[in-house]
Amino acid sequence: MKPSATTQAPALGSRIWICGQGGKTSLSRALGAATGLPVIELDAISWLPNWVERDRDEAVEIVIDQVARATDGWIVDGNHSEIRPHLLPLADTVIWLNLPQVPSALRVAKRTLLNVINKTRICGDNYETFKTALAPDSIIWRRAFHGQKSQHRIADDIADSQTTATIHEIRSYRQLRAFYQSLGLDSRHYLT
């Protein structure tokens, strides 16, 4: 990773947890490509084909195993509350995308629509359809109506964990673009 000349690159460790809303997967993939660290996407582990949810205990065990095998470091992308108690003591860096709810929800709706139109594979081997995108439990509705609750739970879990990790809280899309640029990453590639 080569930081831009105008911005100081933030210190990142080799055990990175990216949480919050609005661009986790794009950032984790960009960081993974730049650092060579393996990216562990919680949604890809949690969802089996045809949107069948994996047993949560089994998903946690898979994540714990993948983290343990990544002895040189890892990047975990996701919010799943069941895994937080296992990740926070191990992480040396937390990147918390605490972005504004309305712009984030609008970006998720746009991304979802593009995923439907382009038949983009997501969350392992799944595809969004207009039916899944508009369902009451879809990511669009969850982000619009429960996004702030999720952010509060993340804040509480970070505070309660007494983690020693460096926390990078990103509160705006301007800060997110600057974060990408400070690490020498191309900010045009993030989708949400």
C-alpha atoms as a PDB file:
ATOM      1  CA  MET A   1       0.000   0.000   0.000  1.00  0.00           C
ATOM      2  CA  LYS A   2       1.316   3.381  -0.934  1.00  0.00           C
ATOM      3  CA  PRO A   3      -0.305   6.363   0.809  1.00  0.00           C
ATOM      4  CA  SER A   4      -1.037   9.509  -1.127  1.00  0.00           C
ATOM      5  CA  ALA A   5       1.416  12.351  -0.754  1.00  0.00           C
ATOM      6  CA  THR A   6      -1.186  14.683   0.752  1.00  0.00           C
ATOM      7  CA  THR A   7      -2.566  12.526   3.536  1.00  0.00           C
ATOM      8  CA  GLN A   8      -0.940  10.639   6.369  1.00  0.00           C
ATOM      9  CA  ALA A   9      -1.698   6.923   6.123  1.00  0.00           C
ATOM     10  CA  PRO A  10      -3.470   5.556   9.185  1.00  0.00           C
ATOM     11  CA  ALA A  11      -1.697   2.848  11.130  1.00  0.00           C
ATOM     12  CA  LEU A  12      -3.190  -0.532  10.323  1.00  0.00           C
ATOM     13  CA  GLY A  13      -2.262  -3.778  11.936  1.00  0.00           C
ATOM     14  CA  SER A  14      -2.515  -7.212  10.395  1.00  0.00           C
ATOM     15  CA  ARG A  15      -5.697  -8.332  12.211  1.00  0.00           C
ATOM     16  CA  ILE A  16      -8.381  -6.003  10.904  1.00  0.00           C
ATOM     17  CA  TRP A  17     -12.112  -6.082  11.567  1.00  0.00           C
ATOM     18  CA  ILE A  18     -14.266  -3.917   9.296  1.00  0.00           C
ATOM     19  CA  CYS A  19     -17.742  -3.338  10.694  1.00  0.00           C
ATOM     20  CA  GLY A  20     -20.640  -0.930  10.408  1.00  0.00           C
ATOM     21  CA  GLN A  21     -22.594   0.019   7.331  1.00  0.00           C
ATOM     22  CA  GLY A  22     -21.945   1.291   3.866  1.00  0.00           C
ATOM     23  CA  GLY A  23     -18.933  -0.233   2.144  1.00  0.00           C
ATOM     24  CA  LYS A  24     -17.412  -2.981   4.299  1.00  0.00           C
ATOM     25  CA  THR A  25     -16.982  -5.519   1.536  1.00  0.00           C
ATOM     26  CA  SER A  26     -15.533  -3.079  -0.984  1.00  0.00           C
ATOM     27  CA  LEU A  27     -13.054  -1.786   1.602  1.00  0.00           C
ATOM     28  CA  SER A  28     -12.114  -5.264   2.816  1.00  0.00           C
ATOM     29  CA  ARG A  29     -11.468  -6.457  -0.736  1.00  0.00           C
ATOM     30  CA  ALA A  30      -9.406  -3.355  -1.557  1.00  0.00           C
ATOM     31  CA  LEU A  31      -7.341  -3.782   1.619  1.00  0.00           C
ATOM     32  CA  GLY A  32      -6.971  -7.502   0.991  1.00  0.00           C
ATOM     33  CA  ALA A  33      -5.669  -6.863  -2.527  1.00  0.00           C
ATOM     34  CA  ALA A  34      -3.259  -4.207  -1.257  1.00  0.00           C
ATOM     35  CA  THR A  35      -1.934  -6.139   1.749  1.00  0.00           C
ATOM     36  CA  GLY A  36      -2.202  -9.751   0.638  1.00  0.00           C
ATOM     37  CA  LEU A  37      -4.103 -10.552   3.839  1.00  0.00           C
ATOM     38  CA  PRO A  38      -6.943 -13.047   3.492  1.00  0.00           C
ATOM     39  CA  VAL A  39     -10.432 -11.533   3.580  1.00  0.00           C
ATOM     40  CA  ILE A  40     -13.063 -13.362   5.606  1.00  0.00           C
ATOM     41  CA  GLU A  41     -16.537 -12.207   4.558  1.00  0.00           C
ATOM     42  CA  LEU A  42     -19.059 -13.068   7.262  1.00  0.00           C
ATOM     43  CA  ASP A  43     -22.025 -12.863   4.869  1.00  0.00           C
ATOM     44  CA  ALA A  44     -20.409 -15.381   2.515  1.00  0.00           C
ATOM     45  CA  ILE A  45     -20.031 -17.778   5.439  1.00  0.00           C
ATOM     46  CA  SER A  46     -23.481 -17.123   6.892  1.00  0.00           C
ATOM     47  CA  TRP A  47     -25.468 -17.655   3.701  1.00  0.00           C
ATOM     48  CA  LEU A  48     -25.631 -20.979   1.916  1.00  0.00           C
ATOM     49  CA  PRO A  49     -26.966 -21.149  -1.672  1.00  0.00           C
ATOM     50  CA  ASN A  50     -30.594 -20.086  -2.216  1.00  0.00           C
ATOM     51  CA  TRP A  51     -30.392 -17.743   0.791  1.00  0.00           C
ATOM     52  CA  VAL A  52     -30.471 -20.558   3.340  1.00  0.00           C
ATOM     53  CA  GLU A  53     -28.964 -19.237   6.556  1.00  0.00           C
ATOM     54  CA  ARG A  54     -26.220 -21.388   8.015  1.00  0.00           C
ATOM     55  CA  ASP A  55     -26.571 -22.406  11.652  1.00  0.00           C
ATOM     56  CA  ARG A  56     -25.130 -19.479  13.617  1.00  0.00           C
ATOM     57  CA  ASP A  57     -22.954 -21.618  15.902  1.00  0.00           C
ATOM     58  CA  GLU A  58     -21.533 -23.384  12.864  1.00  0.00           C
ATOM     59  CA  ALA A  59     -20.848 -20.030  11.170  1.00  0.00           C
ATOM     60  CA  VAL A  60     -19.019 -18.763  14.267  1.00  0.00           C
ATOM     61  CA  GLU A  61     -16.894 -21.925  14.365  1.00  0.00           C
ATOM     62  CA  ILE A  62     -15.971 -21.516  10.688  1.00  0.00           C
ATOM     63  CA  VAL A  63     -14.913 -17.901  11.251  1.00  0.00           C
ATOM     64  CA  ILE A  64     -12.896 -18.774  14.370  1.00  0.00           C
ATOM     65  CA  ASP A  65     -11.164 -21.557  12.414  1.00  0.00           C
ATOM     66  CA  GLN A  66     -10.363 -19.291   9.448  1.00  0.00           C
ATOM     67  CA  VAL A  67      -9.005 -16.576  11.758  1.00  0.00           C
ATOM     68  CA  ALA A  68      -6.864 -19.132  13.610  1.00  0.00           C
ATOM     69  CA  ARG A  69      -5.425 -20.477  10.347  1.00  0.00           C
ATOM     70  CA  ALA A  70      -4.551 -16.970   9.105  1.00  0.00           C
ATOM     71  CA  THR A  71      -1.434 -16.723  11.254  1.00  0.00           C
ATOM     72  CA  ASP A  72       0.042 -13.785   9.308  1.00  0.00           C
ATOM     73  CA  GLY A  73      -3.116 -11.732   9.759  1.00  0.00           C
ATOM     74  CA  TRP A  74      -6.619 -11.336   8.386  1.00  0.00           C
ATOM     75  CA  ILE A  75      -9.339  -8.925   7.417  1.00  0.00           C
ATOM     76  CA  VAL A  76     -12.830  -9.772   8.661  1.00  0.00           C
ATOM     77  CA  ASP A  77     -15.746  -8.027   6.993  1.00  0.00           C
ATOM     78  CA  GLY A  78     -19.104  -8.077   8.749  1.00  0.00           C
ATOM     79  CA  ASN A  79     -21.336  -7.149  11.637  1.00  0.00           C
ATOM     80  CA  HIS A  80     -22.560 -10.439  13.016  1.00  0.00           C
ATOM     81  CA  SER A  81     -22.988  -9.901  16.742  1.00  0.00           C
ATOM     82  CA  GLU A  82     -22.261 -13.554  17.548  1.00  0.00           C
ATOM     83  CA  ILE A  83     -18.684 -13.226  16.318  1.00  0.00           C
ATOM     84  CA  ARG A  84     -17.816  -9.868  17.923  1.00  0.00           C
ATOM     85  CA  PRO A  85     -16.785 -11.334  21.309  1.00  0.00           C
ATOM     86  CA  HIS A  86     -14.357 -13.603  19.460  1.00  0.00           C
ATOM     87  CA  LEU A  87     -12.932 -10.938  17.111  1.00  0.00           C
ATOM     88  CA  LEU A  88     -12.532  -7.910  19.345  1.00  0.00           C
ATOM     89  CA  PRO A  89      -9.891  -9.449  21.650  1.00  0.00           C
ATOM     90  CA  LEU A  90      -7.874 -10.564  18.604  1.00  0.00           C
ATOM     91  CA  ALA A  91      -8.173  -7.502  16.369  1.00  0.00           C
ATOM     92  CA  ASP A  92      -5.411  -4.923  16.409  1.00  0.00           C
ATOM     93  CA  THR A  93      -7.400  -2.630  14.099  1.00  0.00           C
ATOM     94  CA  VAL A  94     -11.131  -1.921  13.893  1.00  0.00           C
ATOM     95  CA  ILE A  95     -12.444   0.105  10.971  1.00  0.00           C
ATOM     96  CA  TRP A  96     -15.962   1.153  11.904  1.00  0.00           C
ATOM     97  CA  LEU A  97     -18.028   2.553   9.056  1.00  0.00           C
ATOM     98  CA  ASN A  98     -20.417   4.615  11.152  1.00  0.00           C
ATOM     99  CA  LEU A  99     -21.869   6.388   8.137  1.00  0.00           C
ATOM    100  CA  PRO A 100     -25.071   8.465   8.005  1.00  0.00           C
ATOM    101  CA  GLN A 101     -28.166   6.278   7.769  1.00  0.00           C
ATOM    102  CA  VAL A 102     -30.046   7.936   4.892  1.00  0.00           C
ATOM    103  CA  PRO A 103     -27.141   8.164   2.396  1.00  0.00           C
ATOM    104  CA  SER A 104     -26.058   4.667   3.372  1.00  0.00           C
ATOM    105  CA  ALA A 105     -29.560   3.245   2.842  1.00  0.00           C
ATOM    106  CA  LEU A 106     -29.819   4.987  -0.537  1.00  0.00           C
ATOM    107  CA  ARG A 107     -26.450   3.597  -1.622  1.00  0.00           C
ATOM    108  CA  VAL A 108     -27.485   0.091  -0.534  1.00  0.00           C
ATOM    109  CA  ALA A 109     -30.721   0.411  -2.527  1.00  0.00           C
ATOM    110  CA  LYS A 110     -28.728   1.511  -5.595  1.00  0.00           C
ATOM    111  CA  ARG A 111     -26.198  -1.294  -5.170  1.00  0.00           C
ATOM    112  CA  THR A 112     -28.977  -3.840  -4.707  1.00  0.00           C
ATOM    113  CA  LEU A 113     -30.745  -2.688  -7.857  1.00  0.00           C
ATOM    114  CA  LEU A 114     -27.475  -2.934  -9.813  1.00  0.00           C
ATOM    115  CA  ASN A 115     -26.864  -6.423  -8.368  1.00  0.00           C
ATOM    116  CA  VAL A 116     -30.324  -7.513  -9.546  1.00  0.00           C
ATOM    117  CA  ILE A 117     -29.884  -6.033 -13.022  1.00  0.00           C
ATOM    118  CA  ASN A 118     -26.317  -7.304 -13.470  1.00  0.00           C
ATOM    119  CA  LYS A 119     -27.019 -10.685 -11.831  1.00  0.00           C
ATOM    120  CA  THR A 120     -24.078 -10.149  -9.503  1.00  0.00           C
ATOM    121  CA  ARG A 121     -23.183 -13.059  -7.239  1.00  0.00           C
ATOM    122  CA  ILE A 122     -23.110 -11.983  -3.567  1.00  0.00           C
ATOM    123  CA  CYS A 123     -22.957 -13.531  -0.092  1.00  0.00           C
ATOM    124  CA  GLY A 124     -21.264 -16.687  -1.248  1.00  0.00           C
ATOM    125  CA  ASP A 125     -23.291 -18.175  -4.097  1.00  0.00           C
ATOM    126  CA  ASN A 126     -26.454 -16.085  -3.973  1.00  0.00           C
ATOM    127  CA  TYR A 127     -28.103 -13.606  -6.273  1.00  0.00           C
ATOM    128  CA  GLU A 128     -30.484 -10.811  -5.425  1.00  0.00           C
ATOM    129  CA  THR A 129     -33.798 -10.609  -7.230  1.00  0.00           C
ATOM    130  CA  PHE A 130     -36.473  -7.939  -7.181  1.00  0.00           C
ATOM    131  CA  LYS A 131     -38.424 -10.232  -4.833  1.00  0.00           C
ATOM    132  CA  THR A 132     -35.566 -10.583  -2.332  1.00  0.00           C
ATOM    133  CA  ALA A 133     -34.633  -6.895  -2.669  1.00  0.00           C
ATOM    134  CA  LEU A 134     -38.139  -5.753  -1.746  1.00  0.00           C
ATOM    135  CA  ALA A 135     -38.884  -8.360   0.930  1.00  0.00           C
ATOM    136  CA  PRO A 136     -39.498  -7.043   4.469  1.00  0.00           C
ATOM    137  CA  ASP A 137     -36.278  -8.695   5.699  1.00  0.00           C
ATOM    138  CA  SER A 138     -34.110  -7.442   2.809  1.00  0.00           C
ATOM    139  CA  ILE A 139     -30.898  -5.492   3.301  1.00  0.00           C
ATOM    140  CA  ILE A 140     -32.643  -2.348   2.044  1.00  0.00           C
ATOM    141  CA  TRP A 141     -35.333  -2.489   4.729  1.00  0.00           C
ATOM    142  CA  ARG A 142     -32.908  -3.560   7.454  1.00  0.00           C
ATOM    143  CA  ARG A 143     -30.578  -0.664   6.627  1.00  0.00           C
ATOM    144  CA  ALA A 144     -33.411   1.859   6.409  1.00  0.00           C
ATOM    145  CA  PHE A 145     -35.188   0.839   9.606  1.00  0.00           C
ATOM    146  CA  HIS A 146     -32.598  -0.907  11.775  1.00  0.00           C
ATOM    147  CA  GLY A 147     -29.263   0.578  10.672  1.00  0.00           C
ATOM    148  CA  GLN A 148     -28.947   2.927  13.643  1.00  0.00           C
ATOM    149  CA  LYS A 149     -29.774   0.181  16.161  1.00  0.00           C
ATOM    150  CA  SER A 150     -27.035  -1.945  14.649  1.00  0.00           C
ATOM    151  CA  GLN A 151     -24.556   0.936  14.886  1.00  0.00           C
ATOM    152  CA  HIS A 152     -25.441   1.485  18.561  1.00  0.00           C
ATOM    153  CA  ARG A 153     -24.896  -2.212  19.292  1.00  0.00           C
ATOM    154  CA  ILE A 154     -21.483  -2.077  17.605  1.00  0.00           C
ATOM    155  CA  ALA A 155     -20.551   0.979  19.690  1.00  0.00           C
ATOM    156  CA  ASP A 156     -21.684  -0.785  22.870  1.00  0.00           C
ATOM    157  CA  ASP A 157     -19.818  -3.978  22.010  1.00  0.00           C
ATOM    158  CA  ILE A 158     -16.602  -2.071  21.264  1.00  0.00           C
ATOM    159  CA  ALA A 159     -16.886  -0.117  24.530  1.00  0.00           C
ATOM    160  CA  ASP A 160     -17.776  -3.198  26.588  1.00  0.00           C
ATOM    161  CA  SER A 161     -14.926  -5.251  25.139  1.00  0.00           C
ATOM    162  CA  GLN A 162     -12.243  -2.882  26.420  1.00  0.00           C
ATOM    163  CA  THR A 163     -10.338  -3.758  23.256  1.00  0.00           C
ATOM    164  CA  THR A 164      -6.822  -2.446  22.784  1.00  0.00           C
ATOM    165  CA  ALA A 165      -7.316  -2.292  19.016  1.00  0.00           C
ATOM    166  CA  THR A 166      -6.850   0.976  17.175  1.00  0.00           C
ATOM    167  CA  ILE A 167     -10.340   2.176  16.239  1.00  0.00           C
ATOM    168  CA  HIS A 168     -10.821   4.094  12.977  1.00  0.00           C
ATOM    169  CA  GLU A 169     -14.373   5.442  13.099  1.00  0.00           C
ATOM    170  CA  ILE A 170     -15.422   6.787   9.714  1.00  0.00           C
ATOM    171  CA  ARG A 171     -18.487   9.028   9.967  1.00  0.00           C
ATOM    172  CA  SER A 172     -18.949  10.383   6.432  1.00  0.00           C
ATOM    173  CA  TYR A 173     -18.415   9.375   2.840  1.00  0.00           C
ATOM    174  CA  ARG A 174     -15.896  12.195   2.540  1.00  0.00           C
ATOM    175  CA  GLN A 175     -13.884  10.605   5.371  1.00  0.00           C
ATOM    176  CA  LEU A 176     -14.224   7.213   3.674  1.00  0.00           C
ATOM    177  CA  ARG A 177     -12.827   8.569   0.383  1.00  0.00           C
ATOM    178  CA  ALA A 178      -9.974  10.225   2.304  1.00  0.00           C
ATOM    179  CA  PHE A 179      -9.299   6.931   4.127  1.00  0.00           C
ATOM    180  CA  TYR A 180      -9.039   5.087   0.807  1.00  0.00           C
ATOM    181  CA  GLN A 181      -6.734   7.757  -0.577  1.00  0.00           C
ATOM    182  CA  SER A 182      -4.532   7.819   2.533  1.00  0.00           C
ATOM    183  CA  LEU A 183      -3.873   4.112   2.001  1.00  0.00           C
ATOM    184  CA  GLY A 184      -3.212   4.517  -1.705  1.00  0.00           C
ATOM    185  CA  LEU A 185      -6.425   2.694  -2.608  1.00  0.00           C
ATOM    186  CA  ASP A 186      -8.626   3.751  -5.511  1.00  0.00           C
ATOM    187  CA  SER A 187     -11.783   5.169  -3.904  1.00  0.00           C
ATOM    188  CA  ARG A 188     -13.763   4.935  -7.165  1.00  0.00           C
ATOM    189  CA  HIS A 189     -14.216   1.208  -6.675  1.00  0.00           C
ATOM    190  CA  TYR A 190     -16.296   1.225  -3.556  1.00  0.00           C
ATOM    191  CA  LEU A 191     -19.938   0.651  -4.314  1.00  0.00           C
ATOM    192  CA  THR A 192     -21.763   1.716  -1.147  1.00  0.00           C
END
